[in-house]
Amino acid sequence: MLLLTPLSIVARIQSAEPVEKARATAERELTVTRHLAFRGLPVLRPLEVALAGPHVLDGCVVSFWPYIDHAPLRRQADMIAAARGLRAIHEALMDFGGTLPPYQASVDQCWTVLIGMPRAAFPATTDKEFLTENFLALRHQLEALGTAARVLHGDAHKGNVLVGAHGPVWIDFESVCRGPLEFELATLPRYAHRHVGKADTRLVDLFTDLKSVCVAVWCLADAGRSAEMRDAARYHLQRLRQQ
């Protein structure tokens, strides 16, 4: 993201995907967010259509969003308020008629990246096999259990909440998808779960482990970008090995 001053506008730039796919992702995010903002839900309201985009500039897809003064989410009370807002968002998306990908699409993308990575990309020689075995076992267990789908934010974690003057608002709906509630809860603190909805704790545990596999893969695939990415990959590998 890039803050454009003095306009108080944020440019959201998507350059990792092919242009047509990135444009579809940006259009979906804007459509869903407008659907929610129109109903008064706690989301960052998009700019007017002509300005918001998405636009294609120099081979990148760019959408423009308003900047709001905010603080990061740190207090438990704010997380609970955000969780309640997320529950309201889920309810408001029940009548959303647009086409959305299933949650498995992002998981399958993780698998594609994992099997294509050389062993040299992993901290230890056994890490690729370890992540592969965990991925396949978790997918098998989840498919065997079966789950009911609803519309989800798709990437609901504390980093996608801004605490503004009127309370927490959710941002970054680019991963919006259809899937089980437990997939959403896997990236939220346990104390917040009951404020979002009733869930199967076994499914939450399985999705938490699956997301750890995927985060480790994404971070290792992009480990050259920063030390934080490498640290995150090591954290999730260690977490999985301790299960």
C-alpha atoms as a PDB file:
ATOM      1  CA  MET A   1       0.000   0.000   0.000  1.00  0.00           C
ATOM      2  CA  LEU A   2       1.075   3.576  -0.661  1.00  0.00           C
ATOM      3  CA  LEU A   3      -0.249   6.651   1.155  1.00  0.00           C
ATOM      4  CA  LEU A   4      -0.795   9.573  -1.212  1.00  0.00           C
ATOM      5  CA  THR A   5      -0.330  12.842   0.649  1.00  0.00           C
ATOM      6  CA  PRO A   6      -1.829  15.388   1.060  1.00  0.00           C
ATOM      7  CA  LEU A   7      -4.876  13.652  -0.460  1.00  0.00           C
ATOM      8  CA  SER A   8      -5.420  11.189   2.422  1.00  0.00           C
ATOM      9  CA  ILE A   9      -5.844   8.422  -0.136  1.00  0.00           C
ATOM     10  CA  VAL A  10      -4.226   4.997  -0.052  1.00  0.00           C
ATOM     11  CA  ALA A  11      -3.219   3.223  -3.257  1.00  0.00           C
ATOM     12  CA  ARG A  12      -3.570  -0.551  -2.999  1.00  0.00           C
ATOM     13  CA  ILE A  13      -1.256  -2.110  -5.580  1.00  0.00           C
ATOM     14  CA  GLN A  14      -1.533  -5.713  -6.765  1.00  0.00           C
ATOM     15  CA  SER A  15       1.407  -6.822  -8.874  1.00  0.00           C
ATOM     16  CA  ALA A  16       1.997 -10.459  -7.895  1.00  0.00           C
ATOM     17  CA  GLU A  17      -0.845 -11.894 -10.007  1.00  0.00           C
ATOM     18  CA  PRO A  18      -1.530 -11.703 -13.759  1.00  0.00           C
ATOM     19  CA  VAL A  19      -3.349  -8.471 -14.569  1.00  0.00           C
ATOM     20  CA  GLU A  20      -6.745  -9.986 -15.375  1.00  0.00           C
ATOM     21  CA  LYS A  21      -6.756 -12.107 -12.231  1.00  0.00           C
ATOM     22  CA  ALA A  22      -5.617  -9.167 -10.093  1.00  0.00           C
ATOM     23  CA  ARG A  23      -8.299  -6.941 -11.633  1.00  0.00           C
ATOM     24  CA  ALA A  24     -10.994  -9.522 -10.843  1.00  0.00           C
ATOM     25  CA  THR A  25      -9.729  -9.772  -7.255  1.00  0.00           C
ATOM     26  CA  ALA A  26      -9.785  -5.981  -6.830  1.00  0.00           C
ATOM     27  CA  GLU A  27     -13.259  -5.672  -8.361  1.00  0.00           C
ATOM     28  CA  ARG A  28     -14.558  -8.402  -6.059  1.00  0.00           C
ATOM     29  CA  GLU A  29     -13.060  -6.688  -3.008  1.00  0.00           C
ATOM     30  CA  LEU A  30     -14.606  -3.330  -3.926  1.00  0.00           C
ATOM     31  CA  THR A  31     -18.013  -4.864  -4.692  1.00  0.00           C
ATOM     32  CA  VAL A  32     -18.179  -6.757  -1.402  1.00  0.00           C
ATOM     33  CA  THR A  33     -16.975  -3.771   0.619  1.00  0.00           C
ATOM     34  CA  ARG A  34     -19.569  -1.481  -0.999  1.00  0.00           C
ATOM     35  CA  HIS A  35     -22.262  -4.068  -0.234  1.00  0.00           C
ATOM     36  CA  LEU A  36     -21.257  -3.919   3.429  1.00  0.00           C
ATOM     37  CA  ALA A  37     -20.697  -0.159   3.651  1.00  0.00           C
ATOM     38  CA  PHE A  38     -24.154   0.498   2.171  1.00  0.00           C
ATOM     39  CA  ARG A  39     -25.611  -1.521   5.052  1.00  0.00           C
ATOM     40  CA  GLY A  40     -23.641   0.406   7.658  1.00  0.00           C
ATOM     41  CA  LEU A  41     -21.240  -2.386   8.604  1.00  0.00           C
ATOM     42  CA  PRO A  42     -17.821  -1.661  10.190  1.00  0.00           C
ATOM     43  CA  VAL A  43     -15.692  -1.650   7.034  1.00  0.00           C
ATOM     44  CA  LEU A  44     -13.545   0.937   5.307  1.00  0.00           C
ATOM     45  CA  ARG A  45     -15.958   2.589   2.869  1.00  0.00           C
ATOM     46  CA  PRO A  46     -14.552   2.674  -0.693  1.00  0.00           C
ATOM     47  CA  LEU A  47     -14.160   5.892  -2.642  1.00  0.00           C
ATOM     48  CA  GLU A  48     -16.489   6.777  -5.503  1.00  0.00           C
ATOM     49  CA  VAL A  49     -16.428   4.222  -8.314  1.00  0.00           C
ATOM     50  CA  ALA A  50     -14.634   6.411 -10.876  1.00  0.00           C
ATOM     51  CA  LEU A  51     -11.753   7.095  -8.492  1.00  0.00           C
ATOM     52  CA  ALA A  52     -11.631   3.784  -6.616  1.00  0.00           C
ATOM     53  CA  GLY A  53     -11.046   1.754  -9.770  1.00  0.00           C
ATOM     54  CA  PRO A  54      -9.590  -0.744 -10.162  1.00  0.00           C
ATOM     55  CA  HIS A  55      -7.156   0.829 -12.617  1.00  0.00           C
ATOM     56  CA  VAL A  56      -4.346  -0.798 -14.593  1.00  0.00           C
ATOM     57  CA  LEU A  57      -1.149   1.259 -14.415  1.00  0.00           C
ATOM     58  CA  ASP A  58       2.187   0.056 -15.787  1.00  0.00           C
ATOM     59  CA  GLY A  59       1.108  -3.567 -15.609  1.00  0.00           C
ATOM     60  CA  CYS A  60      -0.140  -3.290 -12.018  1.00  0.00           C
ATOM     61  CA  VAL A  61      -3.721  -3.229 -10.773  1.00  0.00           C
ATOM     62  CA  VAL A  62      -4.381  -0.293  -8.443  1.00  0.00           C
ATOM     63  CA  SER A  63      -7.415   0.572  -6.344  1.00  0.00           C
ATOM     64  CA  PHE A  64      -7.748   3.732  -4.275  1.00  0.00           C
ATOM     65  CA  TRP A  65      -9.128   3.872  -0.739  1.00  0.00           C
ATOM     66  CA  PRO A  66      -9.672   6.613   1.842  1.00  0.00           C
ATOM     67  CA  TYR A  67      -7.077   6.975   4.574  1.00  0.00           C
ATOM     68  CA  ILE A  68      -8.418   7.199   8.118  1.00  0.00           C
ATOM     69  CA  ASP A  69      -6.549   8.073  11.281  1.00  0.00           C
ATOM     70  CA  HIS A  70      -6.208   4.841  13.193  1.00  0.00           C
ATOM     71  CA  ALA A  71      -4.267   2.786  15.672  1.00  0.00           C
ATOM     72  CA  PRO A  72      -3.314  -0.898  15.450  1.00  0.00           C
ATOM     73  CA  LEU A  73      -5.542  -3.351  17.263  1.00  0.00           C
ATOM     74  CA  ARG A  74      -3.933  -4.112  20.624  1.00  0.00           C
ATOM     75  CA  ARG A  75      -6.640  -4.066  23.310  1.00  0.00           C
ATOM     76  CA  GLN A  76      -8.768  -7.127  23.993  1.00  0.00           C
ATOM     77  CA  ALA A  77     -11.874  -4.933  24.161  1.00  0.00           C
ATOM     78  CA  ASP A  78     -11.208  -3.721  20.603  1.00  0.00           C
ATOM     79  CA  MET A  79     -10.708  -7.297  19.389  1.00  0.00           C
ATOM     80  CA  ILE A  80     -14.038  -8.309  20.904  1.00  0.00           C
ATOM     81  CA  ALA A  81     -15.719  -5.325  19.238  1.00  0.00           C
ATOM     82  CA  ALA A  82     -14.091  -6.304  15.934  1.00  0.00           C
ATOM     83  CA  ALA A  83     -15.291  -9.899  16.387  1.00  0.00           C
ATOM     84  CA  ARG A  84     -18.848  -8.711  16.924  1.00  0.00           C
ATOM     85  CA  GLY A  85     -18.506  -6.557  13.832  1.00  0.00           C
ATOM     86  CA  LEU A  86     -17.292  -9.581  11.884  1.00  0.00           C
ATOM     87  CA  ARG A  87     -20.362 -11.514  12.970  1.00  0.00           C
ATOM     88  CA  ALA A  88     -22.559  -8.697  11.641  1.00  0.00           C
ATOM     89  CA  ILE A  89     -20.532  -8.718   8.412  1.00  0.00           C
ATOM     90  CA  HIS A  90     -21.171 -12.446   7.983  1.00  0.00           C
ATOM     91  CA  GLU A  91     -24.893 -11.884   8.467  1.00  0.00           C
ATOM     92  CA  ALA A  92     -24.950  -8.995   5.979  1.00  0.00           C
ATOM     93  CA  LEU A  93     -23.181 -11.135   3.372  1.00  0.00           C
ATOM     94  CA  MET A  94     -25.825 -13.854   3.501  1.00  0.00           C
ATOM     95  CA  ASP A  95     -27.726 -12.097   0.710  1.00  0.00           C
ATOM     96  CA  PHE A  96     -24.642 -11.258  -1.372  1.00  0.00           C
ATOM     97  CA  GLY A  97     -25.326 -12.613  -4.836  1.00  0.00           C
ATOM     98  CA  GLY A  98     -21.938 -12.229  -6.472  1.00  0.00           C
ATOM     99  CA  THR A  99     -19.676 -15.083  -7.517  1.00  0.00           C
ATOM    100  CA  LEU A 100     -17.023 -15.858  -4.923  1.00  0.00           C
ATOM    101  CA  PRO A 101     -14.276 -18.491  -4.855  1.00  0.00           C
ATOM    102  CA  PRO A 102     -14.382 -21.348  -2.343  1.00  0.00           C
ATOM    103  CA  TYR A 103     -11.870 -21.183   0.488  1.00  0.00           C
ATOM    104  CA  GLN A 104     -10.104 -24.180  -1.070  1.00  0.00           C
ATOM    105  CA  ALA A 105      -8.862 -21.952  -3.915  1.00  0.00           C
ATOM    106  CA  SER A 106      -6.313 -20.211  -1.685  1.00  0.00           C
ATOM    107  CA  VAL A 107      -5.375 -23.501  -0.029  1.00  0.00           C
ATOM    108  CA  ASP A 108      -4.808 -25.160  -3.409  1.00  0.00           C
ATOM    109  CA  GLN A 109      -2.639 -22.223  -4.449  1.00  0.00           C
ATOM    110  CA  CYS A 110      -0.492 -22.878  -1.384  1.00  0.00           C
ATOM    111  CA  TRP A 111      -0.125 -26.513  -2.484  1.00  0.00           C
ATOM    112  CA  THR A 112       0.985 -25.449  -5.958  1.00  0.00           C
ATOM    113  CA  VAL A 113       3.670 -23.213  -4.462  1.00  0.00           C
ATOM    114  CA  LEU A 114       4.793 -25.885  -1.991  1.00  0.00           C
ATOM    115  CA  ILE A 115       5.346 -28.672  -4.504  1.00  0.00           C
ATOM    116  CA  GLY A 116       7.196 -26.296  -6.830  1.00  0.00           C
ATOM    117  CA  MET A 117       9.705 -25.082  -4.230  1.00  0.00           C
ATOM    118  CA  PRO A 118      13.232 -26.553  -4.227  1.00  0.00           C
ATOM    119  CA  ARG A 119      14.502 -28.159  -1.018  1.00  0.00           C
ATOM    120  CA  ALA A 120      17.114 -25.411  -0.773  1.00  0.00           C
ATOM    121  CA  ALA A 121      14.301 -22.950   0.010  1.00  0.00           C
ATOM    122  CA  PHE A 122      13.614 -24.657   3.352  1.00  0.00           C
ATOM    123  CA  PRO A 123      15.578 -24.172   6.594  1.00  0.00           C
ATOM    124  CA  ALA A 124      16.006 -27.941   7.103  1.00  0.00           C
ATOM    125  CA  THR A 125      16.262 -30.755   4.567  1.00  0.00           C
ATOM    126  CA  THR A 126      13.152 -32.488   5.958  1.00  0.00           C
ATOM    127  CA  ASP A 127      10.927 -29.384   6.033  1.00  0.00           C
ATOM    128  CA  LYS A 128       9.424 -29.832   2.572  1.00  0.00           C
ATOM    129  CA  GLU A 129       8.350 -33.412   3.285  1.00  0.00           C
ATOM    130  CA  PHE A 130       7.071 -32.381   6.715  1.00  0.00           C
ATOM    131  CA  LEU A 131       4.888 -29.595   5.297  1.00  0.00           C
ATOM    132  CA  THR A 132       3.704 -31.799   2.427  1.00  0.00           C
ATOM    133  CA  GLU A 133       2.646 -34.604   4.773  1.00  0.00           C
ATOM    134  CA  ASN A 134       0.857 -32.178   7.091  1.00  0.00           C
ATOM    135  CA  PHE A 135      -0.937 -30.464   4.219  1.00  0.00           C
ATOM    136  CA  LEU A 136      -2.240 -33.728   2.756  1.00  0.00           C
ATOM    137  CA  ALA A 137      -3.269 -35.145   6.136  1.00  0.00           C
ATOM    138  CA  LEU A 138      -5.138 -31.986   7.127  1.00  0.00           C
ATOM    139  CA  ARG A 139      -6.934 -31.708   3.780  1.00  0.00           C
ATOM    140  CA  HIS A 140      -7.978 -35.362   4.052  1.00  0.00           C
ATOM    141  CA  GLN A 141      -9.358 -34.883   7.572  1.00  0.00           C
ATOM    142  CA  LEU A 142     -11.269 -31.745   6.617  1.00  0.00           C
ATOM    143  CA  GLU A 143     -12.774 -33.337   3.517  1.00  0.00           C
ATOM    144  CA  ALA A 144     -13.836 -36.373   5.557  1.00  0.00           C
ATOM    145  CA  LEU A 145     -15.579 -34.228   8.172  1.00  0.00           C
ATOM    146  CA  GLY A 146     -17.466 -32.017   5.731  1.00  0.00           C
ATOM    147  CA  THR A 147     -18.325 -28.385   6.405  1.00  0.00           C
ATOM    148  CA  ALA A 148     -21.127 -25.895   5.763  1.00  0.00           C
ATOM    149  CA  ALA A 149     -20.221 -22.810   3.730  1.00  0.00           C
ATOM    150  CA  ARG A 150     -20.987 -19.120   4.186  1.00  0.00           C
ATOM    151  CA  VAL A 151     -19.421 -15.913   2.879  1.00  0.00           C
ATOM    152  CA  LEU A 152     -16.237 -15.087   4.808  1.00  0.00           C
ATOM    153  CA  HIS A 153     -13.767 -12.221   4.974  1.00  0.00           C
ATOM    154  CA  GLY A 154     -11.188 -14.876   4.114  1.00  0.00           C
ATOM    155  CA  ASP A 155      -8.205 -13.326   5.907  1.00  0.00           C
ATOM    156  CA  ALA A 156      -9.637 -12.240   9.249  1.00  0.00           C
ATOM    157  CA  HIS A 157      -6.736 -11.434  11.551  1.00  0.00           C
ATOM    158  CA  LYS A 158      -5.775  -8.514  13.772  1.00  0.00           C
ATOM    159  CA  GLY A 159      -3.639  -6.933  11.065  1.00  0.00           C
ATOM    160  CA  ASN A 160      -6.748  -6.400   8.935  1.00  0.00           C
ATOM    161  CA  VAL A 161      -8.505  -4.306  11.567  1.00  0.00           C
ATOM    162  CA  LEU A 162      -8.036  -0.557  11.979  1.00  0.00           C
ATOM    163  CA  VAL A 163      -9.121   1.044  15.233  1.00  0.00           C
ATOM    164  CA  GLY A 164     -10.524   4.398  14.164  1.00  0.00           C
ATOM    165  CA  ALA A 165     -12.335   7.193  15.966  1.00  0.00           C
ATOM    166  CA  HIS A 166     -15.613   5.241  15.906  1.00  0.00           C
ATOM    167  CA  GLY A 167     -14.181   1.838  16.754  1.00  0.00           C
ATOM    168  CA  PRO A 168     -12.677  -1.080  14.809  1.00  0.00           C
ATOM    169  CA  VAL A 169     -13.240  -1.406  11.059  1.00  0.00           C
ATOM    170  CA  TRP A 170     -12.330  -4.343   8.821  1.00  0.00           C
ATOM    171  CA  ILE A 171     -10.195  -3.860   5.714  1.00  0.00           C
ATOM    172  CA  ASP A 172      -8.601  -5.977   2.957  1.00  0.00           C
ATOM    173  CA  PHE A 173     -11.435  -8.115   1.614  1.00  0.00           C
ATOM    174  CA  GLU A 174      -9.350  -9.347  -1.321  1.00  0.00           C
ATOM    175  CA  SER A 175      -9.516 -12.922   0.058  1.00  0.00           C
ATOM    176  CA  VAL A 176     -13.317 -12.930   0.451  1.00  0.00           C
ATOM    177  CA  CYS A 177     -14.592 -16.436  -0.195  1.00  0.00           C
ATOM    178  CA  ARG A 178     -17.185 -19.054   0.682  1.00  0.00           C
ATOM    179  CA  GLY A 179     -16.263 -21.501   3.401  1.00  0.00           C
ATOM    180  CA  PRO A 180     -16.956 -22.711   6.939  1.00  0.00           C
ATOM    181  CA  LEU A 181     -16.924 -20.345   9.909  1.00  0.00           C
ATOM    182  CA  GLU A 182     -14.075 -22.346  11.429  1.00  0.00           C
ATOM    183  CA  PHE A 183     -11.788 -21.342   8.539  1.00  0.00           C
ATOM    184  CA  GLU A 184     -12.367 -17.698   9.510  1.00  0.00           C
ATOM    185  CA  LEU A 185     -11.853 -18.266  13.227  1.00  0.00           C
ATOM    186  CA  ALA A 186      -8.508 -20.024  12.756  1.00  0.00           C
ATOM    187  CA  THR A 187      -6.658 -16.693  12.562  1.00  0.00           C
ATOM    188  CA  LEU A 188      -8.450 -14.973  15.441  1.00  0.00           C
ATOM    189  CA  PRO A 189      -7.684 -15.126  19.186  1.00  0.00           C
ATOM    190  CA  ARG A 190      -9.597 -17.885  20.949  1.00  0.00           C
ATOM    191  CA  TYR A 191     -11.307 -15.481  23.342  1.00  0.00           C
ATOM    192  CA  ALA A 192     -12.910 -13.727  20.356  1.00  0.00           C
ATOM    193  CA  HIS A 193     -14.444 -16.832  18.766  1.00  0.00           C
ATOM    194  CA  ARG A 194     -17.705 -16.873  20.701  1.00  0.00           C
ATOM    195  CA  HIS A 195     -18.373 -13.274  19.667  1.00  0.00           C
ATOM    196  CA  VAL A 196     -18.266 -14.287  15.992  1.00  0.00           C
ATOM    197  CA  GLY A 197     -20.384 -17.414  16.188  1.00  0.00           C
ATOM    198  CA  LYS A 198     -20.746 -20.965  17.420  1.00  0.00           C
ATOM    199  CA  ALA A 199     -18.102 -23.249  15.978  1.00  0.00           C
ATOM    200  CA  ASP A 200     -16.735 -26.786  16.075  1.00  0.00           C
ATOM    201  CA  THR A 201     -13.472 -26.558  18.035  1.00  0.00           C
ATOM    202  CA  ARG A 202     -12.038 -29.616  16.286  1.00  0.00           C
ATOM    203  CA  LEU A 203     -12.514 -27.937  12.911  1.00  0.00           C
ATOM    204  CA  VAL A 204     -10.971 -24.724  14.236  1.00  0.00           C
ATOM    205  CA  ASP A 205      -7.899 -26.696  15.346  1.00  0.00           C
ATOM    206  CA  LEU A 206      -7.565 -28.389  11.954  1.00  0.00           C
ATOM    207  CA  PHE A 207      -7.913 -25.114  10.057  1.00  0.00           C
ATOM    208  CA  THR A 208      -5.434 -23.436  12.407  1.00  0.00           C
ATOM    209  CA  ASP A 209      -2.848 -26.088  11.549  1.00  0.00           C
ATOM    210  CA  LEU A 210      -3.645 -25.878   7.829  1.00  0.00           C
ATOM    211  CA  LYS A 211      -3.209 -22.115   7.900  1.00  0.00           C
ATOM    212  CA  SER A 212       0.123 -22.559   9.699  1.00  0.00           C
ATOM    213  CA  VAL A 213       1.259 -24.807   6.847  1.00  0.00           C
ATOM    214  CA  CYS A 214       0.189 -22.214   4.291  1.00  0.00           C
ATOM    215  CA  VAL A 215       1.747 -19.265   6.131  1.00  0.00           C
ATOM    216  CA  ALA A 216       5.026 -21.183   6.412  1.00  0.00           C
ATOM    217  CA  VAL A 217       4.932 -21.901   2.670  1.00  0.00           C
ATOM    218  CA  TRP A 218       4.091 -18.323   1.649  1.00  0.00           C
ATOM    219  CA  CYS A 219       6.779 -16.881   3.917  1.00  0.00           C
ATOM    220  CA  LEU A 220       9.448 -19.321   2.748  1.00  0.00           C
ATOM    221  CA  ALA A 221       8.558 -18.635  -0.877  1.00  0.00           C
ATOM    222  CA  ASP A 222       9.106 -14.915  -0.216  1.00  0.00           C
ATOM    223  CA  ALA A 223      11.846 -15.273   2.406  1.00  0.00           C
ATOM    224  CA  GLY A 224      14.246 -13.028   0.533  1.00  0.00           C
ATOM    225  CA  ARG A 225      12.023 -10.009   1.099  1.00  0.00           C
ATOM    226  CA  SER A 226      12.679  -9.548   4.813  1.00  0.00           C
ATOM    227  CA  ALA A 227      13.857 -11.105   8.058  1.00  0.00           C
ATOM    228  CA  GLU A 228      10.260 -10.903   9.318  1.00  0.00           C
ATOM    229  CA  MET A 229       9.149 -13.331   6.606  1.00  0.00           C
ATOM    230  CA  ARG A 230      11.862 -15.805   7.568  1.00  0.00           C
ATOM    231  CA  ASP A 231      11.011 -15.468  11.264  1.00  0.00           C
ATOM    232  CA  ALA A 232       7.313 -16.072  10.564  1.00  0.00           C
ATOM    233  CA  ALA A 233       8.130 -19.202   8.557  1.00  0.00           C
ATOM    234  CA  ARG A 234      10.281 -20.573  11.384  1.00  0.00           C
ATOM    235  CA  TYR A 235       7.575 -19.778  13.938  1.00  0.00           C
ATOM    236  CA  HIS A 236       4.905 -21.725  12.051  1.00  0.00           C
ATOM    237  CA  LEU A 237       7.223 -24.650  11.344  1.00  0.00           C
ATOM    238  CA  GLN A 238       8.050 -24.860  15.040  1.00  0.00           C
ATOM    239  CA  ARG A 239       4.387 -24.548  15.994  1.00  0.00           C
ATOM    240  CA  LEU A 240       3.444 -27.449  13.719  1.00  0.00           C
ATOM    241  CA  ARG A 241       6.263 -29.646  15.005  1.00  0.00           C
ATOM    242  CA  GLN A 242       5.034 -29.114  18.564  1.00  0.00           C
ATOM    243  CA  GLN A 243       1.513 -30.352  17.792  1.00  0.00           C
END
